[in-house]
N, C-alpha and C. Protein backbone atom coordinates (compact mmCIF):
# COMPACT_ATOMS: atom_id res chain seq x y z
N UNK A 1 94.16 106.51 129.99
CA UNK A 1 95.25 106.24 129.06
C UNK A 1 95.60 107.54 128.35
N UNK A 2 96.89 107.85 128.29
CA UNK A 2 97.35 109.07 127.66
C UNK A 2 98.07 108.72 126.36
N UNK A 3 97.70 109.41 125.30
CA UNK A 3 98.34 109.20 124.01
C UNK A 3 99.18 110.42 123.66
N UNK A 4 100.35 110.18 123.18
CA UNK A 4 101.24 111.25 122.78
C UNK A 4 101.05 111.55 121.30
N UNK A 5 101.07 112.83 120.96
CA UNK A 5 100.97 113.22 119.55
C UNK A 5 102.16 112.65 118.78
N UNK A 6 103.32 112.64 119.43
CA UNK A 6 104.52 112.10 118.79
C UNK A 6 104.35 110.62 118.47
N UNK A 7 103.78 109.85 119.41
CA UNK A 7 103.53 108.43 119.17
C UNK A 7 102.55 108.23 118.03
N UNK A 8 101.51 109.05 117.99
CA UNK A 8 100.53 108.94 116.91
C UNK A 8 101.18 109.24 115.57
N UNK A 9 102.04 110.25 115.52
CA UNK A 9 102.72 110.61 114.28
C UNK A 9 103.64 109.47 113.83
N UNK A 10 104.36 108.87 114.78
CA UNK A 10 105.24 107.75 114.44
C UNK A 10 104.44 106.55 113.96
N UNK A 11 103.29 106.30 114.57
CA UNK A 11 102.43 105.20 114.11
C UNK A 11 101.92 105.46 112.70
N UNK A 12 101.56 106.70 112.41
CA UNK A 12 101.08 107.06 111.08
C UNK A 12 102.20 106.90 110.05
N UNK A 13 103.41 107.32 110.42
CA UNK A 13 104.55 107.14 109.51
C UNK A 13 104.80 105.66 109.24
N UNK A 14 104.69 104.85 110.28
CA UNK A 14 104.91 103.41 110.11
C UNK A 14 103.85 102.80 109.18
N UNK A 15 102.60 103.22 109.33
CA UNK A 15 101.53 102.73 108.45
C UNK A 15 101.81 103.10 107.00
N UNK A 16 102.18 104.36 106.79
CA UNK A 16 102.45 104.83 105.44
C UNK A 16 103.64 104.09 104.85
N UNK A 17 104.70 103.99 105.61
CA UNK A 17 105.91 103.32 105.12
C UNK A 17 105.63 101.86 104.80
N UNK A 18 104.82 101.21 105.60
CA UNK A 18 104.45 99.82 105.35
C UNK A 18 103.64 99.71 104.06
N UNK A 19 102.72 100.61 103.84
CA UNK A 19 101.92 100.61 102.61
C UNK A 19 102.79 100.83 101.39
N UNK A 20 103.72 101.78 101.50
CA UNK A 20 104.64 102.07 100.39
C UNK A 20 105.52 100.85 100.13
N UNK A 21 106.05 100.25 101.18
CA UNK A 21 106.88 99.05 101.06
C UNK A 21 106.11 97.95 100.33
N UNK A 22 104.87 97.71 100.74
CA UNK A 22 104.05 96.66 100.12
C UNK A 22 103.79 96.95 98.64
N UNK A 23 103.51 98.21 98.32
CA UNK A 23 103.24 98.58 96.93
C UNK A 23 104.49 98.36 96.07
N UNK A 24 105.64 98.75 96.58
CA UNK A 24 106.88 98.56 95.84
C UNK A 24 107.17 97.07 95.64
N UNK A 25 106.97 96.29 96.68
CA UNK A 25 107.21 94.84 96.59
C UNK A 25 106.27 94.20 95.57
N UNK A 26 105.00 94.61 95.60
CA UNK A 26 104.02 94.05 94.67
C UNK A 26 104.35 94.37 93.22
N UNK A 27 104.98 95.51 92.99
CA UNK A 27 105.34 95.89 91.63
C UNK A 27 106.69 95.32 91.20
N UNK A 28 107.35 94.58 92.09
CA UNK A 28 108.59 93.89 91.73
C UNK A 28 109.86 94.68 92.00
N UNK A 29 109.75 95.78 92.72
CA UNK A 29 110.93 96.57 93.06
C UNK A 29 111.55 96.05 94.36
N UNK A 30 112.78 96.44 94.61
CA UNK A 30 113.42 96.19 95.90
C UNK A 30 113.00 97.36 96.79
N UNK A 31 112.04 97.14 97.69
CA UNK A 31 111.47 98.24 98.47
C UNK A 31 112.49 99.01 99.30
N UNK A 32 113.44 98.31 99.89
CA UNK A 32 114.43 98.99 100.74
C UNK A 32 115.28 99.94 99.89
N UNK A 33 115.76 99.47 98.76
CA UNK A 33 116.58 100.32 97.89
C UNK A 33 115.80 101.53 97.40
N UNK A 34 114.56 101.32 97.03
CA UNK A 34 113.74 102.41 96.50
C UNK A 34 113.45 103.45 97.59
N UNK A 35 113.13 103.00 98.78
CA UNK A 35 112.82 103.93 99.87
C UNK A 35 114.07 104.70 100.28
N UNK A 36 115.20 104.02 100.35
CA UNK A 36 116.46 104.70 100.68
C UNK A 36 116.78 105.74 99.60
N UNK A 37 116.60 105.38 98.35
CA UNK A 37 116.82 106.33 97.26
C UNK A 37 115.95 107.56 97.41
N UNK A 38 114.70 107.35 97.76
CA UNK A 38 113.79 108.48 97.97
C UNK A 38 114.24 109.34 99.14
N UNK A 39 114.59 108.72 100.25
CA UNK A 39 114.99 109.47 101.44
C UNK A 39 116.25 110.30 101.15
N UNK A 40 117.22 109.72 100.46
CA UNK A 40 118.46 110.43 100.19
C UNK A 40 118.29 111.56 99.17
N UNK A 41 117.46 111.36 98.18
CA UNK A 41 117.36 112.32 97.08
C UNK A 41 116.12 113.21 97.14
N UNK A 42 115.10 112.77 97.86
CA UNK A 42 113.78 113.42 97.89
C UNK A 42 113.14 113.42 96.50
N UNK A 43 113.56 112.49 95.66
CA UNK A 43 113.00 112.35 94.32
C UNK A 43 111.85 111.34 94.40
N UNK A 44 110.61 111.81 94.24
CA UNK A 44 109.46 110.91 94.40
C UNK A 44 109.36 109.82 93.33
N UNK A 45 110.12 109.94 92.25
CA UNK A 45 110.04 108.90 91.22
C UNK A 45 110.65 107.58 91.66
N UNK A 46 111.33 107.57 92.79
CA UNK A 46 111.80 106.30 93.36
C UNK A 46 110.62 105.45 93.85
N UNK A 47 109.49 106.09 94.08
CA UNK A 47 108.32 105.42 94.64
C UNK A 47 107.25 105.27 93.56
N UNK A 48 106.72 104.09 93.43
CA UNK A 48 105.69 103.81 92.45
C UNK A 48 104.39 104.56 92.78
N UNK A 49 103.61 104.81 91.73
CA UNK A 49 102.29 105.41 91.95
C UNK A 49 101.25 104.34 92.28
N UNK A 50 101.64 103.09 92.15
CA UNK A 50 100.74 101.98 92.44
C UNK A 50 100.20 102.09 93.86
N UNK A 51 98.90 101.90 94.02
CA UNK A 51 98.21 101.99 95.31
C UNK A 51 98.45 103.33 96.02
N UNK A 52 98.68 104.37 95.21
CA UNK A 52 98.83 105.73 95.74
C UNK A 52 100.07 105.88 96.63
N UNK A 53 101.05 105.00 96.46
CA UNK A 53 102.23 104.99 97.33
C UNK A 53 103.03 106.30 97.25
N UNK A 54 103.18 106.85 96.05
CA UNK A 54 103.97 108.08 95.91
C UNK A 54 103.31 109.23 96.65
N UNK A 55 102.03 109.33 96.53
CA UNK A 55 101.30 110.39 97.23
C UNK A 55 101.39 110.21 98.74
N UNK A 56 101.29 108.99 99.19
CA UNK A 56 101.36 108.71 100.63
C UNK A 56 102.70 109.10 101.22
N UNK A 57 103.78 108.70 100.56
CA UNK A 57 105.10 108.96 101.14
C UNK A 57 105.43 110.45 101.16
N UNK A 58 104.80 111.21 100.29
CA UNK A 58 105.04 112.66 100.29
C UNK A 58 104.42 113.34 101.51
N UNK A 59 103.58 112.65 102.24
CA UNK A 59 102.98 113.19 103.47
C UNK A 59 103.92 113.05 104.68
N UNK A 60 105.01 112.33 104.49
CA UNK A 60 105.95 112.11 105.58
C UNK A 60 107.11 113.09 105.45
N UNK A 61 107.44 113.75 106.54
CA UNK A 61 108.63 114.61 106.57
C UNK A 61 109.85 113.70 106.66
N UNK A 62 110.77 113.85 105.72
CA UNK A 62 111.93 112.94 105.68
C UNK A 62 112.78 113.01 106.93
N UNK A 63 112.95 114.20 107.48
CA UNK A 63 113.75 114.34 108.70
C UNK A 63 113.11 113.60 109.87
N UNK A 64 111.79 113.72 109.99
CA UNK A 64 111.09 113.01 111.07
C UNK A 64 111.16 111.51 110.86
N UNK A 65 111.08 111.09 109.61
CA UNK A 65 111.18 109.66 109.31
C UNK A 65 112.56 109.13 109.69
N UNK A 66 113.60 109.85 109.33
CA UNK A 66 114.96 109.42 109.68
C UNK A 66 115.14 109.37 111.20
N UNK A 67 114.63 110.37 111.89
CA UNK A 67 114.72 110.37 113.36
C UNK A 67 114.03 109.15 113.95
N UNK A 68 112.83 108.86 113.47
CA UNK A 68 112.08 107.71 113.98
C UNK A 68 112.80 106.40 113.68
N UNK A 69 113.40 106.30 112.48
CA UNK A 69 114.10 105.08 112.11
C UNK A 69 115.35 104.86 112.97
N UNK A 70 116.12 105.92 113.18
CA UNK A 70 117.32 105.81 114.00
C UNK A 70 116.94 105.47 115.45
N UNK A 71 115.91 106.13 115.94
CA UNK A 71 115.43 105.87 117.31
C UNK A 71 115.00 104.41 117.44
N UNK A 72 114.27 103.92 116.47
CA UNK A 72 113.81 102.53 116.48
C UNK A 72 114.98 101.55 116.40
N UNK A 73 115.92 101.84 115.56
CA UNK A 73 117.08 100.97 115.37
C UNK A 73 117.91 100.88 116.66
N UNK A 74 118.11 102.01 117.30
CA UNK A 74 118.96 102.05 118.48
C UNK A 74 118.25 101.55 119.74
N UNK A 75 116.94 101.55 119.75
CA UNK A 75 116.23 101.12 120.95
C UNK A 75 116.05 99.61 121.01
N UNK A 76 116.32 98.91 119.93
CA UNK A 76 116.14 97.45 119.92
C UNK A 76 117.42 96.73 120.20
């Protein structure tokens, strides 16, 4: 079985994004709006510090995240 570094990176981004989404939802925010705000502005205050979500999302390159999201959206 061959694993691609790109696939691993996308899986890691998905894990982080899911964790951030869950943390935002648990704190009562609209996770989609908050994540979009962060992606557009790169302002980490859109993301709660709850469950280390802000620190986690800062590990993701926004350009790579957008590429993965567009690729995922168009492939389905």
